[in-house]
Amino acid sequence: MGTEQVLAGRYRLAERIGSGGMSEVYAADHLLTGRPVAVKLIRAEILDRIPGAEARVLAEAEACGSLDHPNVVQILDGGFTEVGDLFLVFERLYGQSLERALRKSRVTPRSLVRIAVRVLDALGAVHGREWVHRDVKPGNVFLARDALGSTIVKLIDFGIAAPLEASAVLEGPILGTRDYMSPEQTEGHRLDGRSDLWSVGALLFRGLTGSVPFVGDAREAVFVKGRPPPSPYGIRPDLPLDLCGVVRRFLQPDPRLRWSRAEDAISALAAVDEGALAGLPPPQFAFGGAPPAANEPRSRPFTV
């Protein structure tokens, strides 16, 4: 779709700002109010070609629409165009994803813990509505800037979210992002909110150490044989032990050994001594363990 076209008679599309396996995302303005928005557009041919695509998009609309939380992206509108394209309209966010900030080595341990608390607060609302996000990862956490320059953490992309009652009967390929999928999600088992909590643990491990907690054979050993998860302390001995213990509990292969609720995990992170985190720098290396190029300057830390 070209730029400067009008969608559904009320949204003027501008440049494309993102794309995924099924959708394109455009910056847009509401014709009447002038409000800037983001429009996720799924073409009719995609809906016809991919089984379950329409149901997934409508589930995303339901999941977001049922929530009114400052740390969950707000959905404003949606519908079908005259040619059968399906669209969702979201608040327009300005800033960057946590993934991008981590790759730039801009997130200190103290800021990461504060970000994780806000993500957990959002997940508490999601789980309270009896939904599971199923794709919690740095790329789906957005660090938005408001008009005053303050940071607002937003949980985004509910494209594979599912209600609890459906999580036991999901069919087709397993959806999610491997490095952040809980053991039970990887194996196609029934999911509840504890699966999302595992993903928060993987996010914390990555942001604290620069590496995901499980790679290759190590992932299989932990998931299949039930071995204890690694501690961030093994990679970063400058991290406080109480924080490392909290992260390990997130990553327990057995859901019964994790927290049962996001609120309990928030309390555990709140109990970590922030003074012990003061002055700790972002991880030395970016994701994958590769050091930055010699001529690549390190960005200033991102604070929350």
Protein backbone atom coordinates (compact mmCIF):
# COMPACT_ATOMS: atom_id res chain seq x y z
CA MET A 1 0.00 0.00 0.00
CA GLY A 2 1.38 3.40 -0.94
CA THR A 3 1.79 6.26 1.45
CA GLU A 4 -0.75 9.02 2.03
CA GLN A 5 -3.70 6.70 1.43
CA VAL A 6 -6.84 6.79 3.52
CA LEU A 7 -7.82 3.60 5.31
CA ALA A 8 -11.45 2.83 6.16
CA GLY A 9 -12.35 6.45 5.48
CA ARG A 10 -10.72 7.77 8.66
CA TYR A 11 -6.98 7.05 8.87
CA ARG A 12 -4.40 8.70 6.65
CA LEU A 13 -1.48 6.30 6.25
CA ALA A 14 2.03 7.68 6.06
CA GLU A 15 5.29 5.69 6.06
CA ARG A 16 5.59 2.02 6.91
CA ILE A 17 7.34 1.68 10.27
CA GLY A 18 7.42 -2.08 10.67
CA SER A 19 6.48 -5.46 9.27
CA GLY A 20 6.13 -9.05 10.45
CA GLY A 21 5.23 -12.45 9.16
CA MET A 22 1.61 -11.49 8.52
CA SER A 23 1.30 -7.74 8.96
CA GLU A 24 2.59 -4.32 8.04
CA VAL A 25 2.58 -1.43 10.49
CA TYR A 26 2.09 2.15 9.35
CA ALA A 27 2.34 5.52 10.99
CA ALA A 28 -1.02 7.23 10.49
CA ASP A 29 -3.24 10.09 11.62
CA HIS A 30 -6.94 10.09 12.40
CA LEU A 31 -8.55 12.34 9.77
CA LEU A 32 -10.98 14.04 12.15
CA THR A 33 -8.90 14.49 15.29
CA GLY A 34 -5.38 14.49 13.82
CA ARG A 35 -4.28 12.06 16.52
CA PRO A 36 -1.14 10.12 15.55
CA VAL A 37 -1.67 6.35 15.65
CA ALA A 38 -0.06 3.13 14.48
CA VAL A 39 -2.04 0.90 12.14
CA LYS A 40 -1.37 -2.83 11.87
CA LEU A 41 -2.63 -4.01 8.49
CA ILE A 42 -3.14 -7.64 7.47
CA ARG A 43 -4.00 -8.05 3.82
CA ALA A 44 -6.95 -10.16 2.72
CA GLU A 45 -4.71 -12.56 0.78
CA ILE A 46 -2.73 -13.25 3.96
CA LEU A 47 -5.92 -13.99 5.85
CA ASP A 48 -6.97 -16.39 3.12
CA ARG A 49 -3.59 -18.11 2.84
CA ILE A 50 -2.63 -18.62 6.50
CA PRO A 51 -4.99 -20.84 8.51
CA GLY A 52 -6.05 -19.19 11.75
CA ALA A 53 -4.59 -15.79 10.82
CA GLU A 54 -7.86 -13.91 11.23
CA ALA A 55 -8.54 -15.60 14.57
CA ARG A 56 -5.10 -14.61 15.85
CA VAL A 57 -5.59 -10.97 14.90
CA LEU A 58 -9.04 -10.86 16.46
CA ALA A 59 -7.62 -12.50 19.61
CA GLU A 60 -4.99 -9.76 19.76
CA ALA A 61 -7.72 -7.14 19.53
CA GLU A 62 -9.68 -8.84 22.31
CA ALA A 63 -6.64 -9.24 24.56
CA CYS A 64 -5.56 -5.61 24.25
CA GLY A 65 -9.09 -4.25 24.23
CA SER A 66 -9.92 -5.96 27.52
CA LEU A 67 -7.07 -4.20 29.30
CA ASP A 68 -6.73 -0.65 30.54
CA HIS A 69 -3.24 -0.55 31.98
CA PRO A 70 -0.53 2.10 31.63
CA ASN A 71 2.10 -0.53 30.75
CA VAL A 72 0.05 -2.27 28.04
CA VAL A 73 -0.16 -0.79 24.56
CA GLN A 74 -3.61 0.72 24.00
CA ILE A 75 -5.79 -0.43 21.12
CA LEU A 76 -8.09 2.27 19.76
CA ASP A 77 -9.96 0.82 16.80
CA GLY A 78 -10.08 -1.97 14.26
CA GLY A 79 -12.12 -3.51 11.50
CA PHE A 80 -12.16 -4.63 7.90
CA THR A 81 -11.67 -2.51 4.79
CA GLU A 82 -13.91 -2.70 1.76
CA VAL A 83 -11.41 -5.09 0.11
CA GLY A 84 -11.28 -7.44 3.10
CA ASP A 85 -8.03 -6.29 4.72
CA LEU A 86 -8.08 -6.48 8.51
CA PHE A 87 -6.61 -3.64 10.54
CA LEU A 88 -5.97 -2.74 14.16
CA VAL A 89 -5.26 0.78 15.38
CA PHE A 90 -2.95 1.35 18.35
CA GLU A 91 -1.63 4.34 20.21
CA ARG A 92 1.49 5.67 18.51
CA LEU A 93 4.59 5.09 20.62
CA TYR A 94 7.82 7.02 20.27
CA GLY A 95 11.05 5.57 21.56
CA GLN A 96 12.76 2.22 21.10
CA SER A 97 12.34 -1.42 21.98
CA LEU A 98 14.20 -2.93 24.90
CA GLU A 99 15.87 -5.21 22.35
CA ARG A 100 17.38 -2.24 20.58
CA ALA A 101 18.48 -0.64 23.84
CA LEU A 102 20.14 -3.89 24.95
CA ARG A 103 21.99 -4.25 21.67
CA LYS A 104 23.37 -0.75 22.17
CA SER A 105 24.51 -1.67 25.71
CA ARG A 106 22.41 1.14 27.13
CA VAL A 107 20.48 -0.61 29.91
CA THR A 108 22.04 -0.76 33.38
CA PRO A 109 21.09 -3.57 35.79
CA ARG A 110 19.18 -1.11 37.97
CA SER A 111 17.17 0.18 35.01
CA LEU A 112 16.54 -3.36 33.80
CA VAL A 113 15.06 -4.40 37.15
CA ARG A 114 12.75 -1.37 37.06
CA ILE A 115 11.70 -2.23 33.51
CA ALA A 116 11.02 -5.84 34.52
CA VAL A 117 8.81 -4.68 37.41
CA ARG A 118 6.66 -2.70 34.98
CA VAL A 119 6.46 -5.64 32.57
CA LEU A 120 5.36 -7.84 35.46
CA ASP A 121 2.76 -5.29 36.48
CA ALA A 122 1.37 -5.42 32.94
CA LEU A 123 1.42 -9.23 33.00
CA GLY A 124 -0.45 -9.21 36.28
CA ALA A 125 -3.26 -7.40 34.48
CA VAL A 126 -3.06 -9.77 31.49
CA HIS A 127 -3.21 -12.84 33.71
CA GLY A 128 -5.98 -11.29 35.77
CA ARG A 129 -8.05 -11.26 32.60
CA GLU A 130 -7.14 -14.95 32.16
CA TRP A 131 -4.91 -14.45 29.14
CA VAL A 132 -1.32 -15.58 28.50
CA HIS A 133 0.87 -13.31 26.38
CA ARG A 134 3.11 -16.16 25.12
CA ASP A 135 5.75 -13.91 23.52
CA VAL A 136 7.36 -11.84 26.28
CA LYS A 137 10.82 -10.82 25.04
CA PRO A 138 12.92 -7.65 24.74
CA GLY A 139 11.53 -6.99 21.27
CA ASN A 140 8.01 -6.84 22.68
CA VAL A 141 8.86 -4.42 25.47
CA PHE A 142 8.82 -0.83 24.26
CA LEU A 143 10.54 2.04 26.06
CA ALA A 144 8.28 4.91 25.08
CA ARG A 145 8.99 8.58 25.70
CA ASP A 146 6.18 10.88 26.74
CA ALA A 147 5.93 14.62 26.02
CA LEU A 148 8.04 15.42 29.09
CA GLY A 149 10.80 12.99 28.16
CA SER A 150 9.93 10.41 30.81
CA THR A 151 10.09 6.71 30.00
CA ILE A 152 6.93 4.61 29.94
CA VAL A 153 7.38 0.85 29.63
CA LYS A 154 4.82 -0.75 27.30
CA LEU A 155 4.17 -4.44 26.73
CA ILE A 156 3.28 -4.78 23.05
CA ASP A 157 2.41 -7.36 20.38
CA PHE A 158 -0.34 -9.63 21.64
CA GLY A 159 -0.41 -11.39 18.28
CA ILE A 160 -0.11 -14.90 19.75
CA ALA A 161 -1.77 -14.22 23.11
CA ALA A 162 -4.35 -16.82 24.11
CA PRO A 163 -7.02 -17.14 26.79
CA LEU A 164 -6.28 -19.68 29.50
CA GLU A 165 -9.13 -21.95 28.50
CA ALA A 166 -7.70 -22.21 24.97
CA SER A 167 -4.10 -22.87 26.02
CA ALA A 168 -4.75 -26.58 26.50
CA VAL A 169 -6.18 -27.13 23.03
CA LEU A 170 -3.90 -25.04 20.80
CA GLU A 171 -3.33 -26.70 17.45
CA GLY A 172 -0.78 -26.28 14.70
CA PRO A 173 2.86 -25.18 15.06
CA ILE A 174 4.16 -23.98 18.40
CA LEU A 175 4.32 -20.19 18.30
CA GLY A 176 6.76 -17.98 20.18
CA THR A 177 10.43 -17.00 20.28
CA ARG A 178 12.66 -19.94 21.16
CA ASP A 179 15.13 -18.18 23.45
CA TYR A 180 12.29 -16.82 25.59
CA MET A 181 9.88 -19.78 25.53
CA SER A 182 9.28 -21.69 28.74
CA PRO A 183 9.86 -25.46 28.79
CA GLU A 184 6.13 -26.11 28.79
CA GLN A 185 5.59 -23.78 25.83
CA THR A 186 8.46 -25.40 23.92
CA GLU A 187 6.89 -28.82 24.46
CA GLY A 188 3.39 -27.70 23.50
CA HIS A 189 1.89 -28.22 26.96
CA ARG A 190 -0.87 -26.30 28.68
CA LEU A 191 0.19 -22.77 29.62
CA ASP A 192 -0.71 -20.39 32.39
CA GLY A 193 0.79 -17.14 33.64
CA ARG A 194 3.87 -18.92 34.99
CA SER A 195 5.03 -19.45 31.41
CA ASP A 196 5.15 -15.69 30.88
CA LEU A 197 7.09 -15.38 34.16
CA TRP A 198 9.71 -17.77 32.81
CA SER A 199 10.04 -15.49 29.80
CA VAL A 200 10.60 -12.50 32.10
CA GLY A 201 13.42 -14.48 33.72
CA ALA A 202 15.02 -15.07 30.33
CA LEU A 203 14.66 -11.35 29.58
CA LEU A 204 16.35 -10.46 32.88
CA PHE A 205 19.17 -12.96 32.32
CA ARG A 206 19.80 -11.56 28.85
CA GLY A 207 19.75 -7.95 30.02
CA LEU A 208 22.03 -8.61 32.99
CA THR A 209 24.63 -10.78 31.25
CA GLY A 210 24.37 -10.07 27.53
CA SER A 211 23.45 -13.69 26.77
CA VAL A 212 20.29 -15.77 26.82
CA PRO A 213 20.27 -18.37 29.63
CA PHE A 214 20.10 -21.50 27.45
CA VAL A 215 21.75 -22.21 24.12
CA GLY A 216 21.75 -25.47 22.15
CA ASP A 217 22.53 -28.58 24.18
CA ALA A 218 22.37 -26.69 27.47
CA ARG A 219 18.78 -25.74 26.74
CA GLU A 220 17.84 -29.35 26.03
CA ALA A 221 19.62 -30.57 29.17
CA VAL A 222 17.74 -28.18 31.41
CA PHE A 223 14.37 -28.60 29.76
CA VAL A 224 14.43 -32.36 29.22
CA LYS A 225 16.43 -33.52 32.24
CA GLY A 226 15.19 -30.89 34.66
CA ARG A 227 18.61 -29.62 35.67
CA PRO A 228 18.78 -26.41 37.74
CA PRO A 229 18.96 -23.22 35.66
CA PRO A 230 22.19 -21.22 35.46
CA SER A 231 22.84 -18.17 37.62
CA PRO A 232 23.73 -14.77 36.14
CA TYR A 233 26.46 -14.69 38.79
CA GLY A 234 28.44 -17.23 36.77
CA ILE A 235 28.80 -14.66 33.98
CA ARG A 236 28.73 -11.46 36.07
CA PRO A 237 30.08 -11.94 39.60
CA ASP A 238 29.57 -8.23 40.25
CA LEU A 239 25.80 -8.81 40.41
CA PRO A 240 24.21 -9.09 43.87
CA LEU A 241 23.45 -12.67 44.87
CA ASP A 242 19.88 -11.93 45.88
CA LEU A 243 19.07 -10.67 42.38
CA CYS A 244 20.72 -13.73 40.83
CA GLY A 245 18.58 -15.94 43.07
CA VAL A 246 15.43 -14.16 41.93
CA VAL A 247 16.37 -14.68 38.27
CA ARG A 248 17.03 -18.39 38.84
CA ARG A 249 13.60 -18.83 40.37
CA PHE A 250 12.00 -17.30 37.29
CA LEU A 251 13.86 -19.88 35.18
CA GLN A 252 12.96 -23.05 37.07
CA PRO A 253 11.95 -25.76 34.55
CA ASP A 254 9.12 -26.89 36.84
CA PRO A 255 6.39 -24.19 36.89
CA ARG A 256 5.56 -25.17 40.47
CA LEU A 257 8.95 -23.87 41.58
CA ARG A 258 8.39 -20.40 40.09
CA TRP A 259 6.16 -17.73 41.52
CA SER A 260 2.48 -18.42 41.04
CA ARG A 261 1.63 -14.76 40.33
CA ALA A 262 3.32 -11.77 38.75
CA GLU A 263 2.63 -9.80 41.94
CA ASP A 264 4.81 -12.21 43.94
CA ALA A 265 7.65 -11.80 41.47
CA ILE A 266 7.35 -8.01 41.75
CA SER A 267 7.71 -8.28 45.52
CA ALA A 268 10.85 -10.40 45.10
CA LEU A 269 12.45 -7.85 42.76
CA ALA A 270 11.41 -4.98 45.02
CA ALA A 271 13.27 -6.67 47.88
CA VAL A 272 16.57 -6.53 45.95
CA ASP A 273 18.84 -3.84 47.37
CA GLU A 274 18.94 -1.12 44.71
CA GLY A 275 22.03 0.28 46.37
CA ALA A 276 23.91 -2.85 45.33
CA LEU A 277 22.94 -2.15 41.73
CA ALA A 278 24.00 1.51 41.74
CA GLY A 279 26.93 2.10 39.44
CA LEU A 280 26.84 -1.33 37.80
CA PRO A 281 27.32 -0.92 34.04
CA PRO A 282 25.40 -2.65 31.25
CA PRO A 283 26.76 -6.05 30.15
CA GLN A 284 30.14 -5.88 28.53
CA PHE A 285 29.10 -7.69 25.36
CA ALA A 286 26.02 -7.53 23.19
CA PHE A 287 23.66 -10.44 22.57
CA GLY A 288 25.50 -13.51 21.38
CA GLY A 289 28.61 -12.85 23.43
CA ALA A 290 30.47 -11.02 20.65
CA PRO A 291 32.38 -7.92 21.80
CA PRO A 292 31.61 -4.60 20.06
CA ALA A 293 33.82 -3.58 17.20
CA ALA A 294 36.91 -1.62 18.18
CA ASN A 295 35.68 1.47 16.37
CA GLU A 296 32.12 1.23 17.74
CA PRO A 297 31.59 3.73 20.56
CA ARG A 298 29.57 2.57 23.56
CA SER A 299 26.31 4.48 23.99
CA ARG A 300 25.47 6.23 27.23
CA PRO A 301 23.39 4.10 29.61
CA PHE A 302 19.62 4.22 29.34
CA THR A 303 17.92 4.98 32.64
CA VAL A 304 14.40 4.39 33.93
